[in-house]
């Protein structure tokens, strides 16, 4: 089944959410804004993610 990852990026942390094709939440976590922590969450929660999108505010 397809999985999608959404990232809500702020200066100090990133909220991560994984949903399946039906829109059901499969995993959710907030991690420090560090690329290795974000990648580890994605790899752990959905290694076959089809798409990763992010939201970030402009100053």
C-alpha atoms as a PDB file:
ATOM      1  CA  UNK A   1       0.000   0.000   0.000  1.00  0.00           C
ATOM      2  CA  UNK A   2       1.176   3.525  -0.748  1.00  0.00           C
ATOM      3  CA  UNK A   3       2.345   5.742   2.095  1.00  0.00           C
ATOM      4  CA  UNK A   4       2.933   9.486   2.134  1.00  0.00           C
ATOM      5  CA  UNK A   5       4.947  11.603   4.578  1.00  0.00           C
ATOM      6  CA  UNK A   6       4.149  15.187   5.558  1.00  0.00           C
ATOM      7  CA  UNK A   7       6.673  17.400   7.330  1.00  0.00           C
ATOM      8  CA  UNK A   8       5.702  20.618   9.115  1.00  0.00           C
ATOM      9  CA  UNK A   9       9.026  22.416   9.431  1.00  0.00           C
ATOM     10  CA  UNK A  10       9.799  25.097  12.011  1.00  0.00           C
ATOM     11  CA  UNK A  11      13.102  26.554  13.123  1.00  0.00           C
ATOM     12  CA  UNK A  12      13.773  24.093  15.953  1.00  0.00           C
ATOM     13  CA  UNK A  13      11.586  21.051  15.264  1.00  0.00           C
ATOM     14  CA  UNK A  14       9.789  19.114  12.544  1.00  0.00           C
ATOM     15  CA  UNK A  15       6.388  17.465  12.997  1.00  0.00           C
ATOM     16  CA  UNK A  16       6.165  14.318  10.874  1.00  0.00           C
ATOM     17  CA  UNK A  17       3.041  12.425   9.841  1.00  0.00           C
ATOM     18  CA  UNK A  18       2.705   9.279   7.714  1.00  0.00           C
ATOM     19  CA  UNK A  19      -0.637   8.410   6.082  1.00  0.00           C
ATOM     20  CA  UNK A  20      -1.658   5.548   3.831  1.00  0.00           C
ATOM     21  CA  UNK A  21      -3.559   5.891   0.543  1.00  0.00           C
ATOM     22  CA  UNK A  22      -6.861   5.774   2.437  1.00  0.00           C
ATOM     23  CA  UNK A  23      -5.778   8.761   4.559  1.00  0.00           C
ATOM     24  CA  UNK A  24      -5.319   6.803   7.786  1.00  0.00           C
ATOM     25  CA  UNK A  25      -2.513   8.030  10.044  1.00  0.00           C
ATOM     26  CA  UNK A  26       0.141   5.313  10.333  1.00  0.00           C
ATOM     27  CA  UNK A  27       2.775   7.199  12.372  1.00  0.00           C
ATOM     28  CA  UNK A  28       3.315  10.625  13.902  1.00  0.00           C
ATOM     29  CA  UNK A  29       6.273  12.195  15.701  1.00  0.00           C
ATOM     30  CA  UNK A  30       7.999  15.496  16.381  1.00  0.00           C
ATOM     31  CA  UNK A  31      11.794  15.548  16.135  1.00  0.00           C
ATOM     32  CA  UNK A  32      14.510  18.181  16.319  1.00  0.00           C
ATOM     33  CA  UNK A  33      15.143  19.976  13.016  1.00  0.00           C
ATOM     34  CA  UNK A  34      18.082  17.776  12.032  1.00  0.00           C
ATOM     35  CA  UNK A  35      18.197  15.951   8.708  1.00  0.00           C
ATOM     36  CA  UNK A  36      19.476  12.692  10.231  1.00  0.00           C
ATOM     37  CA  UNK A  37      16.574  12.549  12.711  1.00  0.00           C
ATOM     38  CA  UNK A  38      14.019  13.296  10.001  1.00  0.00           C
ATOM     39  CA  UNK A  39      15.500  10.629   7.712  1.00  0.00           C
ATOM     40  CA  UNK A  40      15.551   8.093  10.563  1.00  0.00           C
ATOM     41  CA  UNK A  41      11.845   8.685  11.263  1.00  0.00           C
ATOM     42  CA  UNK A  42      10.950   8.230   7.588  1.00  0.00           C
ATOM     43  CA  UNK A  43      13.067   5.095   7.209  1.00  0.00           C
ATOM     44  CA  UNK A  44      11.675   3.584  10.418  1.00  0.00           C
ATOM     45  CA  UNK A  45       8.010   4.384   9.824  1.00  0.00           C
ATOM     46  CA  UNK A  46       7.678   3.902   6.058  1.00  0.00           C
ATOM     47  CA  UNK A  47      10.712   2.738   4.092  1.00  0.00           C
ATOM     48  CA  UNK A  48       8.685   2.639   0.858  1.00  0.00           C
ATOM     49  CA  UNK A  49       7.288   6.181   1.026  1.00  0.00           C
ATOM     50  CA  UNK A  50       5.961   7.320  -2.334  1.00  0.00           C
ATOM     51  CA  UNK A  51       6.052  11.019  -1.612  1.00  0.00           C
ATOM     52  CA  UNK A  52       7.442  13.349   1.051  1.00  0.00           C
ATOM     53  CA  UNK A  53       6.100  16.917   1.260  1.00  0.00           C
ATOM     54  CA  UNK A  54       6.930  19.741   3.639  1.00  0.00           C
ATOM     55  CA  UNK A  55       5.309  22.926   4.879  1.00  0.00           C
ATOM     56  CA  UNK A  56       7.374  25.837   6.104  1.00  0.00           C
ATOM     57  CA  UNK A  57       6.445  29.393   6.991  1.00  0.00           C
ATOM     58  CA  UNK A  58       8.088  32.333   5.299  1.00  0.00           C
ATOM     59  CA  UNK A  59       9.502  35.053   7.553  1.00  0.00           C
END
